[in-house]
Amino acid sequence: MLFSLSGGPKGFSDVVWKVTELVQTSKQAHITFSYDSFDGEEGFPGDLSVTVTYMILKHNILAIRMSATPLTKATPVNLAYHGYWNLGGHDSGTILNHTIHIISHSYTPVDDQLIPTGQFAMVKGTPYDFTTRPRQIGSRIDEVEGGYDINYVIARKIGPLEPHLEKTAVVRDEASGRKMELWTNQPGVQFYTGNMLDSVKGKGGVTYNKYAGLCLETQGFPDAVNHPNNFPSQVVEPGHTYVHVMVFRFTAA
């Protein structure tokens, strides 16, 4: 069995992107990168034109917009942003004392290879329950083998304007008073607690180890191509454009 994690053996994170636009004004700054993926790259069919724009806006907002258009063949597209966050600062230790609220009532369980089973499970009362009330990440992490690495189903309000941005999660660091809020137009969010970080050399020579940062990766459901009856399709037809938007807002009390 072949797995494709993070886009394949290489992934888009290790290719050279081209800067196509750079704008800086008194109110905002944004930069756009583009990459053209060729037919068969990482095992995926068809040519794919991809752009990513990072925007810094007023009110301490970071917005990221990713788009991808298949040019020749239908192909699965499920781009994600794998940035690590530690609101206490990069040298403050772990994120286990951070409080998180994930706006989700269910998640997609995985097998012993961390591959989704195609089913859904309710979070209420389980170690995955950050919905009933916000709580510290470390409060029940020992009940989850290896730490958190699971896709949550975002509680969406279906309406005529969908796909609109839905509030997805709120993270707080009580020690610093910093708060991060997240919105997205995607159906899922992967909550990952840096379980595999091991002696990673970081900013200022600081070493990052397990639980040094958390990821909130908004996304389509992992392995959706193998669960067409249960999961929303991630296959995009030629000429159609996949659009993924996430918005982070930062405040401090």
Protein backbone atom coordinates (compact mmCIF):
# COMPACT_ATOMS: atom_id res chain seq x y z
CA MET A 1 0.00 0.00 0.00
CA LEU A 2 1.29 3.46 -0.93
CA PHE A 3 0.72 6.49 1.28
CA SER A 4 0.91 10.13 0.22
CA LEU A 5 1.62 12.29 3.26
CA SER A 6 2.08 16.05 2.79
CA GLY A 7 1.76 15.74 -0.97
CA GLY A 8 4.16 12.89 -1.59
CA PRO A 9 7.84 12.03 -1.06
CA LYS A 10 8.82 15.64 -1.83
CA GLY A 11 5.71 17.78 -1.64
CA PHE A 12 5.18 21.41 -2.64
CA SER A 13 7.10 22.59 0.42
CA ASP A 14 10.38 21.49 -1.17
CA VAL A 15 10.01 22.94 -4.65
CA VAL A 16 11.06 26.37 -5.90
CA TRP A 17 8.16 28.82 -6.14
CA LYS A 18 8.15 32.03 -8.19
CA VAL A 19 7.19 35.37 -6.65
CA THR A 20 4.50 36.83 -8.91
CA GLU A 21 3.34 39.81 -6.85
CA LEU A 22 4.61 41.84 -3.91
CA VAL A 23 2.58 44.77 -2.54
CA GLN A 24 3.28 46.91 0.51
CA THR A 25 1.10 49.85 1.58
CA SER A 26 0.34 51.62 4.84
CA LYS A 27 -2.69 49.37 5.34
CA GLN A 28 -1.52 45.95 4.17
CA ALA A 29 1.24 43.86 2.68
CA HIS A 30 0.91 40.75 0.59
CA ILE A 31 3.07 38.43 -1.44
CA THR A 32 1.95 35.85 -4.00
CA PHE A 33 3.90 32.76 -5.02
CA SER A 34 3.12 30.49 -7.97
CA TYR A 35 4.13 26.99 -8.97
CA ASP A 36 3.26 24.85 -12.00
CA SER A 37 3.08 21.15 -11.18
CA PHE A 38 3.60 18.80 -14.12
CA ASP A 39 1.62 15.71 -15.07
CA GLY A 40 2.78 12.78 -12.93
CA GLU A 41 4.63 14.85 -10.33
CA GLU A 42 4.44 13.03 -6.97
CA GLY A 43 2.18 10.51 -8.74
CA PHE A 44 -0.70 12.95 -9.34
CA PRO A 45 -2.39 13.21 -12.75
CA GLY A 46 -2.40 16.32 -14.90
CA ASP A 47 -0.76 19.72 -14.98
CA LEU A 48 -1.74 21.95 -12.05
CA SER A 49 -1.32 25.72 -11.70
CA VAL A 50 -0.99 26.71 -8.03
CA THR A 51 -0.81 30.09 -6.27
CA VAL A 52 -0.43 31.01 -2.61
CA THR A 53 -0.91 34.53 -1.24
CA TYR A 54 0.10 35.64 2.26
CA MET A 55 -1.57 38.86 3.44
CA ILE A 56 -0.81 40.93 6.53
CA LEU A 57 -3.82 43.15 7.22
CA LYS A 58 -4.98 45.64 9.82
CA HIS A 59 -6.06 44.48 13.27
CA ASN A 60 -3.24 41.90 13.50
CA ILE A 61 -4.66 39.63 10.82
CA LEU A 62 -2.75 37.10 8.73
CA ALA A 63 -4.74 35.77 5.77
CA ILE A 64 -3.60 32.96 3.49
CA ARG A 65 -5.28 32.13 0.17
CA MET A 66 -4.31 29.04 -1.80
CA SER A 67 -5.74 28.25 -5.22
CA ALA A 68 -5.11 25.48 -7.74
CA THR A 69 -6.46 24.93 -11.25
CA PRO A 70 -6.04 21.60 -13.09
CA LEU A 71 -5.19 22.26 -16.73
CA THR A 72 -5.34 18.85 -18.41
CA LYS A 73 -6.82 16.15 -16.13
CA ALA A 74 -9.03 15.84 -13.09
CA THR A 75 -6.87 15.51 -9.98
CA PRO A 76 -7.18 15.45 -6.18
CA VAL A 77 -6.28 18.79 -4.56
CA ASN A 78 -6.06 19.26 -0.80
CA LEU A 79 -3.52 21.94 0.09
CA ALA A 80 -2.73 22.76 3.72
CA TYR A 81 -0.59 25.18 5.75
CA HIS A 82 1.64 23.37 8.24
CA GLY A 83 2.84 26.32 10.32
CA TYR A 84 3.64 25.79 13.99
CA TRP A 85 2.29 28.12 16.68
CA ASN A 86 3.44 28.77 20.24
CA LEU A 87 1.76 31.88 21.64
CA GLY A 88 4.15 31.98 24.57
CA GLY A 89 7.06 32.58 22.21
CA HIS A 90 9.36 30.26 20.31
CA ASP A 91 11.59 29.72 23.36
CA SER A 92 8.83 29.31 25.98
CA GLY A 93 8.71 25.52 26.09
CA THR A 94 5.67 23.42 25.21
CA ILE A 95 2.12 24.34 24.25
CA LEU A 96 0.57 21.96 26.80
CA ASN A 97 -0.63 24.87 28.96
CA HIS A 98 -2.29 26.60 26.00
CA THR A 99 -6.09 26.56 26.11
CA ILE A 100 -7.89 25.63 22.90
CA HIS A 101 -11.48 25.70 21.71
CA ILE A 102 -12.16 23.74 18.51
CA ILE A 103 -15.59 24.40 17.03
CA SER A 104 -16.39 20.85 16.03
CA HIS A 105 -18.72 18.10 17.20
CA SER A 106 -17.00 15.19 15.47
CA TYR A 107 -13.72 13.94 14.05
CA THR A 108 -12.57 11.36 11.51
CA PRO A 109 -11.03 8.36 13.35
CA VAL A 110 -7.88 6.72 12.00
CA ASP A 111 -6.41 3.22 11.97
CA ASP A 112 -3.04 2.14 13.36
CA GLN A 113 -1.35 3.70 10.31
CA LEU A 114 -3.10 7.05 10.98
CA ILE A 115 -5.24 6.58 7.85
CA PRO A 116 -8.90 7.69 8.21
CA THR A 117 -11.36 4.82 8.42
CA GLY A 118 -14.05 6.75 6.55
CA GLN A 119 -16.23 6.99 9.64
CA PHE A 120 -17.11 9.82 12.01
CA ALA A 121 -16.94 9.86 15.82
CA MET A 122 -18.41 12.34 18.26
CA VAL A 123 -15.98 14.33 20.40
CA LYS A 124 -18.22 14.88 23.43
CA GLY A 125 -16.78 13.34 26.57
CA THR A 126 -13.63 12.05 24.85
CA PRO A 127 -10.03 13.31 25.06
CA TYR A 128 -10.75 14.99 21.70
CA ASP A 129 -13.47 17.20 23.20
CA PHE A 130 -12.32 20.81 23.03
CA THR A 131 -15.84 21.87 22.02
CA THR A 132 -17.98 21.45 25.13
CA ARG A 133 -15.65 23.94 26.81
CA PRO A 134 -12.16 25.28 26.08
CA ARG A 135 -9.48 23.43 28.04
CA GLN A 136 -5.74 23.04 28.28
CA ILE A 137 -4.16 20.93 25.57
CA GLY A 138 -2.20 18.91 28.10
CA SER A 139 -5.16 18.09 30.33
CA ARG A 140 -5.92 14.75 28.62
CA ILE A 141 -3.14 14.38 26.08
CA ASP A 142 -1.76 11.32 27.88
CA GLU A 143 -4.98 9.51 26.92
CA VAL A 144 -4.15 9.94 23.21
CA GLU A 145 -1.31 7.72 22.04
CA GLY A 146 1.58 9.89 20.86
CA GLY A 147 -0.35 13.16 21.18
CA TYR A 148 -3.03 14.85 19.08
CA ASP A 149 -2.93 14.36 15.30
CA ILE A 150 -6.53 14.19 14.11
CA ASN A 151 -8.89 15.81 11.61
CA TYR A 152 -11.87 17.61 13.14
CA VAL A 153 -15.08 18.18 11.19
CA ILE A 154 -15.77 21.90 11.36
CA ALA A 155 -19.28 22.79 12.53
CA ARG A 156 -20.60 24.70 9.52
CA LYS A 157 -23.71 26.81 9.08
CA ILE A 158 -25.13 25.83 5.71
CA GLY A 159 -26.51 28.82 3.84
CA PRO A 160 -26.77 30.57 0.46
CA LEU A 161 -23.36 32.22 0.83
CA GLU A 162 -21.45 28.99 1.46
CA PRO A 163 -18.57 28.35 1.09
CA HIS A 164 -18.03 31.22 3.50
CA LEU A 165 -15.46 31.58 6.26
CA GLU A 166 -16.39 29.68 9.40
CA LYS A 167 -14.84 30.24 12.80
CA THR A 168 -12.79 27.14 13.48
CA ALA A 169 -10.67 27.46 16.62
CA VAL A 170 -9.49 29.79 19.38
CA VAL A 171 -6.14 29.32 21.12
CA ARG A 172 -5.04 31.19 24.26
CA ASP A 173 -1.83 31.39 26.24
CA GLU A 174 -2.87 32.58 29.69
CA ALA A 175 0.70 33.42 30.75
CA SER A 176 1.23 35.98 27.98
CA GLY A 177 -2.41 36.91 27.43
CA ARG A 178 -2.10 36.22 23.71
CA LYS A 179 -5.01 34.81 21.72
CA MET A 180 -5.25 33.43 18.19
CA GLU A 181 -8.54 32.95 16.34
CA LEU A 182 -8.89 30.99 13.10
CA TRP A 183 -11.48 31.07 10.30
CA THR A 184 -11.59 28.99 7.11
CA ASN A 185 -13.77 27.93 4.19
CA GLN A 186 -12.63 24.29 4.46
CA PRO A 187 -14.61 21.40 5.99
CA GLY A 188 -11.87 20.10 8.29
CA VAL A 189 -8.94 21.10 10.49
CA GLN A 190 -6.04 18.87 11.49
CA PHE A 191 -5.02 19.49 15.10
CA TYR A 192 -1.41 18.41 15.60
CA THR A 193 0.65 18.94 18.74
CA GLY A 194 4.17 18.63 17.33
CA ASN A 195 4.46 15.01 18.41
CA MET A 196 7.39 14.26 16.11
CA LEU A 197 9.49 17.33 16.90
CA ASP A 198 12.84 16.06 18.12
CA SER A 199 15.90 18.29 18.58
CA VAL A 200 14.91 20.60 15.72
CA LYS A 201 17.18 23.65 15.58
CA GLY A 202 15.04 26.78 15.47
CA LYS A 203 15.13 30.55 15.72
CA GLY A 204 17.95 32.00 17.79
CA GLY A 205 19.53 28.59 18.23
CA VAL A 206 16.61 27.30 20.29
CA THR A 207 15.99 23.55 20.10
CA TYR A 208 12.39 22.46 19.53
CA ASN A 209 11.25 19.14 20.98
CA LYS A 210 7.95 17.31 21.36
CA TYR A 211 4.97 19.61 21.96
CA ALA A 212 7.01 22.77 21.26
CA GLY A 213 4.33 24.01 18.86
CA LEU A 214 0.85 23.22 17.58
CA CYS A 215 -0.60 23.13 14.09
CA LEU A 216 -4.15 23.91 13.00
CA GLU A 217 -4.20 22.79 9.37
CA THR A 218 -7.49 23.66 7.69
CA GLN A 219 -8.16 21.21 4.90
CA GLY A 220 -10.45 18.82 3.10
CA PHE A 221 -10.77 15.45 4.78
CA PRO A 222 -7.62 13.31 4.49
CA ASP A 223 -8.00 10.20 2.30
CA ALA A 224 -11.24 11.56 0.84
CA VAL A 225 -10.51 9.87 -2.51
CA ASN A 226 -10.92 6.47 -0.85
CA HIS A 227 -14.15 7.34 0.96
CA PRO A 228 -16.34 8.92 -1.75
CA ASN A 229 -19.60 7.98 -0.02
CA ASN A 230 -18.77 9.64 3.31
CA PHE A 231 -16.25 12.42 2.68
CA PRO A 232 -16.57 15.52 0.46
CA SER A 233 -14.72 15.02 -2.82
CA GLN A 234 -11.34 16.70 -3.26
CA VAL A 235 -11.16 15.95 -6.99
CA VAL A 236 -11.06 19.09 -9.14
CA GLU A 237 -11.93 19.01 -12.83
CA PRO A 238 -9.88 20.82 -15.51
CA GLY A 239 -10.81 24.48 -15.75
CA HIS A 240 -12.28 24.55 -12.25
CA THR A 241 -10.38 26.22 -9.42
CA TYR A 242 -9.86 24.97 -5.90
CA VAL A 243 -9.77 27.85 -3.39
CA HIS A 244 -8.67 27.53 0.23
CA VAL A 245 -8.78 30.52 2.57
CA MET A 246 -7.68 30.76 6.19
CA VAL A 247 -7.64 33.85 8.41
CA PHE A 248 -5.71 34.18 11.68
CA ARG A 249 -6.40 37.07 14.06
CA PHE A 250 -4.11 37.82 16.99
CA THR A 251 -4.96 39.82 20.11
CA ALA A 252 -3.51 40.25 23.60
CA ALA A 253 -5.27 40.96 26.87
